N, C-alpha and C. Protein backbone atom coordinates (compact mmCIF):
# COMPACT_ATOMS: atom_id res chain seq x y z
N MET A 1 -34.01 19.49 -1.26
CA MET A 1 -33.65 18.91 0.17
C MET A 1 -32.02 18.77 -0.14
N ASP A 2 -31.30 19.12 0.89
CA ASP A 2 -29.85 18.87 0.81
C ASP A 2 -29.46 17.62 1.36
N ASN A 3 -28.43 17.16 1.01
CA ASN A 3 -27.91 15.86 1.57
C ASN A 3 -27.54 16.06 2.81
N VAL A 4 -27.68 14.90 3.70
CA VAL A 4 -27.05 14.97 4.92
C VAL A 4 -25.64 14.71 5.14
N ASP A 5 -24.93 15.43 5.87
CA ASP A 5 -23.53 15.21 6.11
C ASP A 5 -23.33 14.23 7.42
N VAL A 6 -22.73 13.16 7.07
CA VAL A 6 -22.53 12.29 8.09
C VAL A 6 -21.07 12.10 8.58
N GLY A 7 -20.44 13.20 8.30
CA GLY A 7 -19.03 13.44 8.87
C GLY A 7 -17.80 12.63 8.22
N GLY A 8 -18.18 11.98 7.23
CA GLY A 8 -17.15 10.93 6.53
C GLY A 8 -16.71 9.77 7.08
N VAL A 9 -15.95 9.20 6.47
CA VAL A 9 -15.42 7.92 6.93
C VAL A 9 -14.07 7.75 7.02
N THR A 10 -13.69 7.25 8.29
CA THR A 10 -12.09 7.32 8.67
C THR A 10 -11.85 5.94 9.02
N TRP A 11 -10.38 5.54 8.62
CA TRP A 11 -10.00 4.30 9.09
C TRP A 11 -9.60 4.47 10.48
N LYS A 12 -9.77 3.24 11.30
CA LYS A 12 -9.22 3.27 12.76
C LYS A 12 -7.75 3.32 12.45
N PRO A 13 -6.89 3.58 13.56
CA PRO A 13 -5.47 3.57 13.52
C PRO A 13 -4.97 2.20 12.79
N ARG A 14 -5.54 1.25 13.49
CA ARG A 14 -5.12 -0.30 13.18
C ARG A 14 -5.10 -0.39 11.65
N TYR A 15 -5.97 0.31 10.99
CA TYR A 15 -6.14 0.03 9.56
C TYR A 15 -5.50 0.87 8.58
N ALA A 16 -4.74 1.96 9.33
CA ALA A 16 -4.20 3.07 8.60
C ALA A 16 -3.41 2.82 7.12
N ARG A 17 -2.99 1.40 7.27
CA ARG A 17 -2.16 1.04 6.04
C ARG A 17 -3.03 0.66 4.78
N ARG A 18 -4.29 0.60 5.15
CA ARG A 18 -5.17 0.08 4.00
C ARG A 18 -5.21 0.93 2.93
N SER A 19 -5.32 0.51 1.81
CA SER A 19 -5.52 1.54 0.51
C SER A 19 -6.76 2.00 0.45
N LEU A 20 -7.01 3.14 0.25
CA LEU A 20 -8.13 3.97 -0.20
C LEU A 20 -8.87 3.69 -1.38
N LYS A 21 -8.00 3.20 -2.32
CA LYS A 21 -8.60 2.73 -3.52
C LYS A 21 -9.29 1.26 -3.22
N THR A 22 -8.76 0.49 -2.56
CA THR A 22 -9.29 -0.79 -2.22
C THR A 22 -10.53 -0.57 -1.40
N LEU A 23 -10.76 0.26 -0.49
CA LEU A 23 -11.96 0.68 0.11
C LEU A 23 -12.91 1.13 -1.01
N CYS A 24 -12.68 1.88 -1.82
CA CYS A 24 -13.43 2.51 -2.87
C CYS A 24 -14.02 1.27 -3.56
N ALA A 25 -13.18 0.26 -4.01
CA ALA A 25 -13.52 -0.84 -4.71
C ALA A 25 -14.47 -1.71 -3.97
N LEU A 26 -14.23 -2.01 -2.60
CA LEU A 26 -15.19 -2.66 -1.80
C LEU A 26 -16.52 -2.17 -1.58
N LEU A 27 -16.54 -0.62 -1.30
CA LEU A 27 -17.77 -0.08 -1.29
C LEU A 27 -18.53 -0.05 -2.38
N ASN A 28 -17.95 0.10 -3.58
CA ASN A 28 -18.70 0.06 -4.88
C ASN A 28 -19.16 -1.64 -5.50
N SER A 29 -18.51 -2.53 -4.65
CA SER A 29 -18.63 -3.74 -5.25
C SER A 29 -20.05 -4.26 -5.16
N GLN A 30 -20.38 -5.43 -5.93
CA GLN A 30 -21.53 -5.96 -6.04
C GLN A 30 -21.87 -6.51 -4.46
N VAL A 31 -20.72 -7.02 -3.84
CA VAL A 31 -20.95 -7.70 -2.63
C VAL A 31 -21.63 -6.80 -1.76
N LEU A 32 -21.13 -5.55 -1.39
CA LEU A 32 -21.45 -4.50 -0.51
C LEU A 32 -22.71 -3.76 -0.93
N ARG A 33 -22.82 -3.68 -2.17
CA ARG A 33 -24.20 -3.14 -2.67
C ARG A 33 -25.43 -4.10 -2.21
N TRP A 34 -25.02 -5.44 -2.35
CA TRP A 34 -26.03 -6.31 -1.98
C TRP A 34 -26.21 -6.35 -0.39
N PHE A 35 -25.19 -6.13 0.32
CA PHE A 35 -25.19 -6.12 1.90
C PHE A 35 -26.00 -5.05 2.50
N PHE A 36 -25.55 -3.96 1.87
CA PHE A 36 -25.90 -2.64 2.60
C PHE A 36 -27.26 -2.59 2.96
N PRO A 37 -28.20 -2.62 1.95
CA PRO A 37 -29.68 -2.73 2.03
C PRO A 37 -30.15 -3.58 3.23
N HIS A 38 -29.39 -4.61 3.61
CA HIS A 38 -29.77 -5.45 4.71
C HIS A 38 -29.77 -4.89 6.03
N VAL A 39 -28.85 -3.97 6.10
CA VAL A 39 -28.48 -3.23 7.49
C VAL A 39 -28.76 -1.95 7.55
N SER A 40 -29.25 -1.27 6.53
CA SER A 40 -29.67 0.10 6.68
C SER A 40 -31.18 0.61 6.54
N ALA A 41 -31.64 1.61 6.88
CA ALA A 41 -32.81 2.02 6.82
C ALA A 41 -33.26 2.47 5.65
N PRO A 42 -34.38 2.31 5.10
CA PRO A 42 -34.82 2.84 3.75
C PRO A 42 -35.42 4.23 3.79
N PHE A 43 -35.28 5.17 2.72
CA PHE A 43 -35.87 6.41 2.61
C PHE A 43 -36.68 6.31 1.41
N ARG A 44 -37.61 7.38 1.16
CA ARG A 44 -38.45 7.34 0.04
C ARG A 44 -37.43 7.59 -1.18
N GLY A 45 -37.91 6.98 -2.29
CA GLY A 45 -37.20 6.87 -3.48
C GLY A 45 -36.10 5.90 -3.67
N GLY A 46 -35.97 4.99 -2.74
CA GLY A 46 -34.95 3.89 -2.80
C GLY A 46 -33.85 4.44 -2.19
N PHE A 47 -33.56 5.44 -1.62
CA PHE A 47 -32.39 5.83 -0.95
C PHE A 47 -32.10 5.18 0.37
N ARG A 48 -30.93 4.98 0.72
CA ARG A 48 -30.61 4.24 2.11
C ARG A 48 -30.20 5.23 3.15
N SER A 49 -30.16 5.15 4.38
CA SER A 49 -29.67 5.74 5.41
C SER A 49 -28.16 5.37 5.47
N ALA A 50 -27.29 6.29 5.61
CA ALA A 50 -25.78 6.02 5.62
C ALA A 50 -25.22 6.61 6.97
N ASN A 51 -26.15 6.59 7.99
CA ASN A 51 -25.63 7.00 9.30
C ASN A 51 -24.46 6.01 9.91
N ARG A 52 -23.74 6.59 10.96
CA ARG A 52 -22.67 5.79 11.38
C ARG A 52 -23.11 4.19 11.94
N GLN A 53 -24.35 4.06 12.43
CA GLN A 53 -25.02 2.94 13.00
C GLN A 53 -24.92 2.00 11.80
N PHE A 54 -25.17 2.49 10.76
CA PHE A 54 -25.40 1.55 9.57
C PHE A 54 -24.14 1.17 8.78
N LEU A 55 -23.17 2.22 8.54
CA LEU A 55 -21.79 2.19 8.07
C LEU A 55 -20.96 1.29 8.82
N GLU A 56 -21.03 1.35 10.07
CA GLU A 56 -20.23 0.51 10.92
C GLU A 56 -20.48 -1.09 10.84
N GLN A 57 -21.55 -1.28 10.17
CA GLN A 57 -22.01 -2.72 10.12
C GLN A 57 -21.63 -3.39 8.85
N ILE A 58 -21.05 -2.61 8.08
CA ILE A 58 -20.32 -3.00 6.67
C ILE A 58 -19.26 -3.88 7.02
N PRO A 59 -19.25 -5.17 6.54
CA PRO A 59 -17.68 -5.85 6.71
C PRO A 59 -16.74 -5.57 5.77
N ILE A 60 -15.88 -4.93 6.10
CA ILE A 60 -14.49 -4.71 5.27
C ILE A 60 -13.56 -5.67 5.51
N CYS A 61 -13.45 -6.51 4.46
CA CYS A 61 -12.76 -7.94 4.57
C CYS A 61 -11.12 -7.34 4.40
N GLU A 62 -10.38 -8.28 5.09
CA GLU A 62 -9.01 -8.13 4.98
C GLU A 62 -8.30 -8.29 3.64
N ALA A 63 -7.36 -7.51 3.16
CA ALA A 63 -6.64 -8.02 1.95
C ALA A 63 -5.12 -7.69 2.24
N SER A 64 -4.33 -8.52 1.66
CA SER A 64 -2.83 -8.34 1.69
C SER A 64 -2.33 -7.24 0.52
N ALA A 65 -1.29 -6.88 0.90
CA ALA A 65 -0.69 -5.82 -0.03
C ALA A 65 -0.72 -6.40 -1.34
N ASP A 66 -0.49 -7.65 -1.50
CA ASP A 66 -0.52 -8.35 -2.96
C ASP A 66 -1.69 -8.43 -3.49
N GLU A 67 -2.72 -8.45 -2.61
CA GLU A 67 -4.23 -8.34 -3.19
C GLU A 67 -4.61 -6.92 -3.35
N GLU A 68 -4.07 -5.96 -2.74
CA GLU A 68 -4.51 -4.74 -2.91
C GLU A 68 -3.97 -4.07 -4.12
N ARG A 69 -2.77 -4.50 -4.43
CA ARG A 69 -2.07 -4.08 -5.72
C ARG A 69 -3.05 -4.08 -6.93
N PRO A 70 -3.49 -5.33 -7.33
CA PRO A 70 -4.22 -5.30 -8.58
C PRO A 70 -5.60 -4.74 -8.46
N ILE A 71 -6.38 -4.56 -7.31
CA ILE A 71 -7.52 -4.04 -6.97
C ILE A 71 -7.16 -2.55 -7.25
N ASP A 72 -6.10 -2.03 -6.63
CA ASP A 72 -5.80 -0.52 -6.81
C ASP A 72 -5.63 -0.23 -8.22
N GLY A 73 -4.91 -1.08 -9.14
CA GLY A 73 -4.56 -0.96 -10.56
C GLY A 73 -5.89 -0.89 -11.13
N LEU A 74 -6.91 -1.74 -10.78
CA LEU A 74 -8.05 -1.81 -11.56
C LEU A 74 -8.88 -0.56 -11.40
N VAL A 75 -8.93 0.03 -10.21
CA VAL A 75 -9.55 1.14 -9.78
C VAL A 75 -8.79 2.25 -10.57
N ASP A 76 -7.67 2.30 -10.61
CA ASP A 76 -6.87 3.36 -11.47
C ASP A 76 -7.52 3.46 -12.88
N ILE A 77 -7.49 2.16 -13.57
CA ILE A 77 -8.05 2.03 -14.89
C ILE A 77 -9.33 2.55 -14.92
N LEU A 78 -10.21 2.11 -14.07
CA LEU A 78 -11.58 2.53 -14.15
C LEU A 78 -11.84 4.11 -14.05
N LEU A 79 -11.08 4.58 -13.11
CA LEU A 79 -11.26 6.09 -12.83
C LEU A 79 -10.82 6.87 -14.09
N TYR A 80 -9.70 6.27 -14.57
CA TYR A 80 -9.06 6.92 -15.94
C TYR A 80 -10.09 6.97 -16.94
N LEU A 81 -10.72 5.81 -17.23
CA LEU A 81 -11.59 5.61 -18.40
C LEU A 81 -12.79 6.46 -18.16
N ASN A 82 -13.33 6.34 -17.11
CA ASN A 82 -14.54 7.20 -16.78
C ASN A 82 -14.38 8.72 -16.93
N ARG A 83 -13.20 9.19 -16.31
CA ARG A 83 -12.90 10.60 -16.46
C ARG A 83 -12.73 10.94 -17.94
N HIS A 84 -11.94 10.10 -18.51
CA HIS A 84 -11.57 10.12 -19.97
C HIS A 84 -12.80 10.35 -20.87
N PHE A 85 -13.80 9.56 -20.57
CA PHE A 85 -14.99 9.39 -21.74
C PHE A 85 -15.94 10.42 -21.21
N VAL A 86 -16.06 10.98 -20.09
CA VAL A 86 -16.82 12.12 -19.68
C VAL A 86 -16.35 13.33 -20.30
N GLY A 87 -14.87 13.46 -20.06
CA GLY A 87 -14.28 14.68 -20.64
C GLY A 87 -14.13 14.86 -22.10
N ASN A 88 -14.15 13.64 -22.81
CA ASN A 88 -13.94 13.46 -24.25
C ASN A 88 -15.07 12.53 -24.86
N PRO A 89 -16.17 12.67 -24.76
CA PRO A 89 -17.24 11.82 -25.09
C PRO A 89 -17.01 11.38 -26.71
N VAL A 90 -16.43 12.22 -27.40
CA VAL A 90 -16.31 11.89 -28.76
C VAL A 90 -15.03 10.86 -29.14
N ALA A 91 -14.33 10.61 -28.17
CA ALA A 91 -13.29 9.62 -28.18
C ALA A 91 -13.69 8.13 -27.90
N GLN A 92 -14.86 8.08 -27.28
CA GLN A 92 -15.34 6.74 -27.10
C GLN A 92 -15.84 6.10 -28.37
N THR A 93 -15.43 4.85 -28.49
CA THR A 93 -15.87 3.99 -29.58
C THR A 93 -17.03 3.15 -29.08
N THR A 94 -17.83 2.43 -30.01
CA THR A 94 -18.94 1.55 -29.52
C THR A 94 -18.37 0.49 -28.64
N ARG A 95 -17.13 0.08 -28.72
CA ARG A 95 -16.59 -1.19 -28.01
C ARG A 95 -16.25 -0.79 -26.48
N ASP A 96 -16.04 0.65 -26.22
CA ASP A 96 -15.40 1.12 -25.14
C ASP A 96 -16.44 0.95 -23.77
N PRO A 97 -17.66 0.98 -24.04
CA PRO A 97 -18.55 0.57 -22.85
C PRO A 97 -18.47 -0.86 -22.43
N LEU A 98 -18.37 -1.69 -23.24
CA LEU A 98 -17.87 -3.04 -23.08
C LEU A 98 -16.69 -3.19 -22.43
N MET A 99 -15.52 -2.57 -22.61
CA MET A 99 -14.22 -2.68 -22.05
C MET A 99 -14.47 -2.13 -20.57
N VAL A 100 -14.95 -1.15 -20.27
CA VAL A 100 -15.39 -0.51 -18.95
C VAL A 100 -16.18 -1.66 -18.01
N ALA A 101 -17.15 -2.16 -18.59
CA ALA A 101 -17.96 -3.16 -18.04
C ALA A 101 -17.09 -4.43 -17.63
N TYR A 102 -16.37 -4.77 -18.49
CA TYR A 102 -15.51 -5.89 -18.29
C TYR A 102 -14.41 -5.60 -17.30
N TRP A 103 -13.72 -4.48 -17.29
CA TRP A 103 -13.04 -4.09 -16.08
C TRP A 103 -13.56 -4.09 -14.84
N GLU A 104 -14.79 -3.60 -14.77
CA GLU A 104 -15.79 -3.46 -13.51
C GLU A 104 -15.95 -5.02 -13.21
N ARG A 105 -16.17 -5.93 -14.16
CA ARG A 105 -16.40 -7.40 -13.76
C ARG A 105 -15.14 -7.99 -13.08
N VAL A 106 -14.07 -7.75 -13.78
CA VAL A 106 -12.88 -8.32 -13.22
C VAL A 106 -12.68 -7.67 -11.65
N LEU A 107 -12.77 -6.56 -11.53
CA LEU A 107 -12.63 -5.98 -10.47
C LEU A 107 -13.57 -6.62 -9.18
N ASN A 108 -14.89 -6.63 -9.70
CA ASN A 108 -15.91 -7.38 -8.79
C ASN A 108 -15.60 -8.96 -8.46
N GLY A 109 -14.90 -9.44 -9.51
CA GLY A 109 -14.47 -10.79 -9.17
C GLY A 109 -13.49 -10.82 -8.14
N LEU A 110 -12.43 -10.14 -8.18
CA LEU A 110 -11.48 -9.93 -7.20
C LEU A 110 -12.08 -9.75 -5.71
N VAL A 111 -13.28 -8.97 -5.80
CA VAL A 111 -13.72 -8.75 -4.53
C VAL A 111 -14.46 -10.22 -3.89
N TYR A 112 -15.10 -10.63 -5.04
CA TYR A 112 -15.68 -11.80 -4.49
C TYR A 112 -14.74 -12.88 -3.93
N GLU A 113 -13.43 -12.87 -4.54
CA GLU A 113 -12.49 -13.82 -4.13
C GLU A 113 -12.10 -13.38 -2.65
N LEU A 114 -11.91 -12.22 -2.34
CA LEU A 114 -11.80 -11.60 -1.03
C LEU A 114 -12.78 -12.23 0.13
N TYR A 115 -14.01 -11.95 -0.27
CA TYR A 115 -14.90 -12.24 0.59
C TYR A 115 -15.41 -13.66 0.67
N PHE A 116 -15.30 -14.56 -0.45
CA PHE A 116 -15.59 -15.98 -0.41
C PHE A 116 -14.67 -16.83 -1.23
N PRO A 117 -13.36 -16.77 -0.59
CA PRO A 117 -12.31 -17.48 -1.21
C PRO A 117 -12.62 -19.00 -1.28
N GLU A 118 -13.27 -19.44 -0.11
CA GLU A 118 -13.61 -20.91 -0.14
C GLU A 118 -14.57 -21.36 -1.48
N GLU A 119 -15.43 -20.60 -1.74
CA GLU A 119 -16.40 -21.02 -2.50
C GLU A 119 -15.84 -20.89 -4.05
N LEU A 120 -15.00 -19.84 -4.23
CA LEU A 120 -14.37 -19.62 -5.67
C LEU A 120 -13.19 -20.71 -5.83
N HIS A 121 -12.51 -20.87 -4.54
CA HIS A 121 -11.35 -21.89 -4.85
C HIS A 121 -11.87 -23.29 -5.03
N ALA A 122 -13.01 -23.72 -4.36
CA ALA A 122 -13.72 -24.91 -4.61
C ALA A 122 -14.10 -25.15 -6.11
N ALA A 123 -14.44 -23.91 -6.64
CA ALA A 123 -14.83 -23.97 -8.20
C ALA A 123 -13.54 -23.90 -9.11
N GLY A 124 -12.21 -23.99 -8.29
CA GLY A 124 -11.23 -23.84 -9.12
C GLY A 124 -10.72 -22.54 -9.74
N LEU A 125 -11.35 -21.53 -9.08
CA LEU A 125 -11.14 -20.01 -9.48
C LEU A 125 -10.25 -19.26 -8.50
N ARG A 126 -9.21 -18.79 -9.11
CA ARG A 126 -8.30 -18.16 -8.50
C ARG A 126 -7.86 -16.83 -9.20
N LEU A 127 -8.91 -15.79 -9.08
CA LEU A 127 -8.98 -14.73 -10.04
C LEU A 127 -7.81 -13.67 -9.64
N PHE A 128 -7.18 -13.82 -8.58
CA PHE A 128 -5.99 -13.04 -8.36
C PHE A 128 -4.87 -13.45 -9.32
N ASP A 129 -4.59 -14.74 -9.35
CA ASP A 129 -3.66 -15.48 -10.03
C ASP A 129 -3.76 -15.01 -11.46
N LEU A 130 -5.05 -15.13 -11.81
CA LEU A 130 -5.33 -14.90 -13.44
C LEU A 130 -4.86 -13.51 -13.82
N VAL A 131 -5.47 -12.47 -12.89
CA VAL A 131 -5.18 -11.26 -13.07
C VAL A 131 -3.48 -10.97 -13.13
N ALA A 132 -2.98 -11.63 -12.30
CA ALA A 132 -1.45 -11.23 -12.31
C ALA A 132 -0.82 -11.96 -13.54
N SER A 133 -1.32 -13.22 -14.05
CA SER A 133 -0.86 -13.59 -15.25
C SER A 133 -1.10 -12.86 -16.43
N ALA A 134 -2.28 -12.01 -16.45
CA ALA A 134 -2.75 -11.22 -17.31
C ALA A 134 -2.09 -9.96 -17.68
N ASP A 135 -1.04 -9.70 -16.51
CA ASP A 135 -0.14 -8.50 -16.75
C ASP A 135 -0.86 -7.20 -17.22
N LEU A 136 -1.84 -6.84 -16.36
CA LEU A 136 -2.49 -5.52 -16.91
C LEU A 136 -1.48 -4.28 -16.48
N PRO A 137 -1.90 -3.58 -17.46
CA PRO A 137 -0.80 -2.30 -17.39
C PRO A 137 -1.17 -1.38 -16.18
N ASP A 138 0.06 -0.91 -15.80
CA ASP A 138 0.07 0.14 -14.53
C ASP A 138 -0.08 1.52 -15.27
N ILE A 139 -1.42 1.98 -15.34
CA ILE A 139 -1.55 3.18 -16.15
C ILE A 139 -0.99 4.35 -15.66
N THR A 140 -0.61 4.36 -14.33
CA THR A 140 0.04 5.53 -13.72
C THR A 140 1.48 5.69 -14.27
N ASN A 141 2.06 4.64 -14.63
CA ASN A 141 3.34 4.77 -15.33
C ASN A 141 3.34 4.74 -16.95
N LEU A 142 2.16 5.10 -17.46
CA LEU A 142 2.01 5.14 -18.81
C LEU A 142 1.96 6.85 -19.22
N PRO A 143 2.44 7.15 -20.26
CA PRO A 143 2.14 8.72 -20.73
C PRO A 143 0.77 8.78 -21.06
N GLY A 144 0.14 9.91 -20.78
CA GLY A 144 -1.34 10.15 -21.08
C GLY A 144 -1.72 9.70 -22.39
N LYS A 145 -0.97 10.05 -23.45
CA LYS A 145 -1.35 9.50 -24.85
C LYS A 145 -1.45 8.24 -25.18
N ASP A 146 -0.66 7.41 -24.41
CA ASP A 146 -0.71 5.94 -24.59
C ASP A 146 -1.73 5.08 -23.66
N ARG A 147 -2.38 5.59 -22.91
CA ARG A 147 -3.15 4.97 -21.85
C ARG A 147 -4.34 4.43 -22.75
N LEU A 148 -5.04 5.06 -23.30
CA LEU A 148 -6.26 4.39 -23.87
C LEU A 148 -5.98 3.42 -24.82
N GLY A 149 -4.86 3.57 -25.80
CA GLY A 149 -4.45 2.66 -26.65
C GLY A 149 -4.15 1.38 -25.94
N THR A 150 -3.39 1.51 -24.82
CA THR A 150 -2.75 0.31 -24.11
C THR A 150 -3.85 -0.20 -23.60
N LEU A 151 -4.94 0.24 -22.89
CA LEU A 151 -5.94 -0.34 -22.39
C LEU A 151 -6.89 -1.22 -23.40
N ARG A 152 -7.18 -0.54 -24.32
CA ARG A 152 -8.01 -1.16 -25.57
C ARG A 152 -7.29 -2.38 -25.97
N LYS A 153 -6.10 -2.34 -26.26
CA LYS A 153 -5.23 -3.40 -26.63
C LYS A 153 -5.41 -4.57 -25.48
N LYS A 154 -5.11 -4.24 -24.35
CA LYS A 154 -5.12 -5.24 -23.33
C LYS A 154 -6.47 -5.82 -23.13
N PHE A 155 -7.43 -4.94 -23.16
CA PHE A 155 -8.95 -5.49 -23.22
C PHE A 155 -9.26 -6.52 -24.38
N GLU A 156 -8.83 -6.31 -25.41
CA GLU A 156 -9.04 -7.28 -26.56
C GLU A 156 -8.33 -8.58 -26.27
N GLU A 157 -7.14 -8.48 -25.72
CA GLU A 157 -6.48 -9.59 -25.14
C GLU A 157 -7.08 -10.54 -24.33
N VAL A 158 -7.57 -9.78 -23.18
CA VAL A 158 -8.10 -10.57 -22.26
C VAL A 158 -9.66 -11.03 -22.23
N TYR A 159 -10.35 -10.27 -23.29
CA TYR A 159 -11.68 -10.56 -23.44
C TYR A 159 -11.85 -11.77 -24.62
N ASP A 160 -10.72 -11.96 -25.08
CA ASP A 160 -10.80 -13.14 -26.04
C ASP A 160 -11.43 -14.33 -25.44
N ILE A 161 -12.44 -14.85 -26.22
CA ILE A 161 -13.13 -16.18 -25.57
C ILE A 161 -12.22 -17.26 -25.22
N GLU A 162 -10.95 -17.24 -25.60
CA GLU A 162 -10.08 -18.28 -25.19
C GLU A 162 -9.32 -17.91 -24.05
N HIS A 163 -9.41 -16.70 -23.63
CA HIS A 163 -8.48 -16.20 -22.54
C HIS A 163 -8.97 -16.95 -21.04
N PRO A 164 -7.98 -17.40 -20.34
CA PRO A 164 -8.45 -18.07 -19.08
C PRO A 164 -9.01 -16.96 -18.07
N LEU A 165 -8.96 -15.75 -18.20
CA LEU A 165 -9.54 -14.76 -17.25
C LEU A 165 -11.03 -14.57 -17.70
N ARG A 166 -11.27 -14.69 -18.88
CA ARG A 166 -12.77 -14.42 -19.50
C ARG A 166 -13.43 -15.86 -18.98
N ALA A 167 -12.87 -17.00 -19.16
CA ALA A 167 -13.44 -18.14 -18.98
C ALA A 167 -13.66 -18.17 -17.29
N ALA A 168 -12.84 -17.71 -16.49
CA ALA A 168 -12.98 -17.75 -15.04
C ALA A 168 -14.28 -16.76 -14.72
N LEU A 169 -14.40 -15.71 -15.35
CA LEU A 169 -15.40 -14.71 -15.17
C LEU A 169 -16.76 -15.37 -15.57
N PHE A 170 -16.69 -16.19 -16.52
CA PHE A 170 -17.89 -16.78 -17.06
C PHE A 170 -18.43 -17.82 -15.87
N THR A 171 -17.41 -18.72 -15.33
CA THR A 171 -17.47 -19.70 -14.48
C THR A 171 -18.11 -18.90 -13.15
N LEU A 172 -17.47 -17.87 -12.83
CA LEU A 172 -17.92 -17.13 -11.47
C LEU A 172 -19.54 -16.91 -11.52
N GLY A 173 -20.02 -16.56 -12.49
CA GLY A 173 -21.40 -16.49 -12.39
C GLY A 173 -22.34 -17.78 -12.12
N ASN A 174 -21.85 -18.80 -12.00
CA ASN A 174 -22.43 -20.24 -11.76
C ASN A 174 -22.27 -20.37 -10.21
N ILE A 175 -21.56 -19.69 -9.41
CA ILE A 175 -21.34 -20.06 -8.02
C ILE A 175 -22.51 -19.51 -7.31
N GLU A 176 -23.07 -20.23 -6.24
CA GLU A 176 -24.28 -20.00 -5.73
C GLU A 176 -24.27 -18.54 -5.10
N VAL A 177 -23.17 -18.27 -4.37
CA VAL A 177 -23.23 -16.75 -3.59
C VAL A 177 -23.24 -15.72 -4.54
N VAL A 178 -22.69 -15.94 -5.68
CA VAL A 178 -22.57 -14.84 -6.68
C VAL A 178 -23.78 -14.73 -7.30
N ARG A 179 -24.54 -15.85 -7.51
CA ARG A 179 -25.90 -15.90 -8.14
C ARG A 179 -26.82 -15.20 -7.19
N ILE A 180 -26.77 -15.42 -6.07
CA ILE A 180 -27.65 -14.85 -5.09
C ILE A 180 -27.48 -13.16 -4.96
N ILE A 181 -25.90 -12.93 -4.81
CA ILE A 181 -25.79 -11.61 -4.66
C ILE A 181 -26.12 -10.52 -5.94
N GLU A 182 -26.04 -11.31 -7.22
CA GLU A 182 -26.38 -10.62 -8.49
C GLU A 182 -27.83 -10.87 -8.88
N GLY A 183 -28.59 -11.43 -7.88
CA GLY A 183 -30.08 -11.56 -7.99
C GLY A 183 -30.42 -12.60 -9.19
N LYS A 184 -29.68 -13.65 -9.59
CA LYS A 184 -29.84 -14.64 -10.68
C LYS A 184 -30.38 -16.03 -9.90
N GLU A 185 -30.67 -15.92 -8.79
CA GLU A 185 -31.20 -17.23 -7.99
C GLU A 185 -32.67 -16.95 -7.84
């Protein structure tokens, strides 16, 4: 059976300035993965209908340019790492899957802050500020040969048990809305 062509997704003109990388992050986030089954029709095998009537119900939150920048940077990091390890599986160390999962968790944390700022801020979490303080590398400005080493080094720094970003991600898991979305309630 072939996949159904739904004609793609386009931004309305008033949203044309929005980043497609941020849209990618939102659509692949825990938040929208949780939301979509509530508005779409199920198919056999656990698949969901992605017709326009369902897609237009997805809430795409507003994000400022200052919020889109770190989201886009994390998307660049994840795209690079996934492409690199698929193309070079022998280059992957035993710690690299943890690194990829951690960057995904950071990205999901930013998306949670976009959708639920009151809940996160009430818990004292300001992940956008912590990511800015962490000074993540812009891998688009790094030579290819330096990217993986730079990302591994930065990961070890921000994954340290004492790093404020890691502590914030741990606390994030205690927020009720996050627990509901992640199925921990």
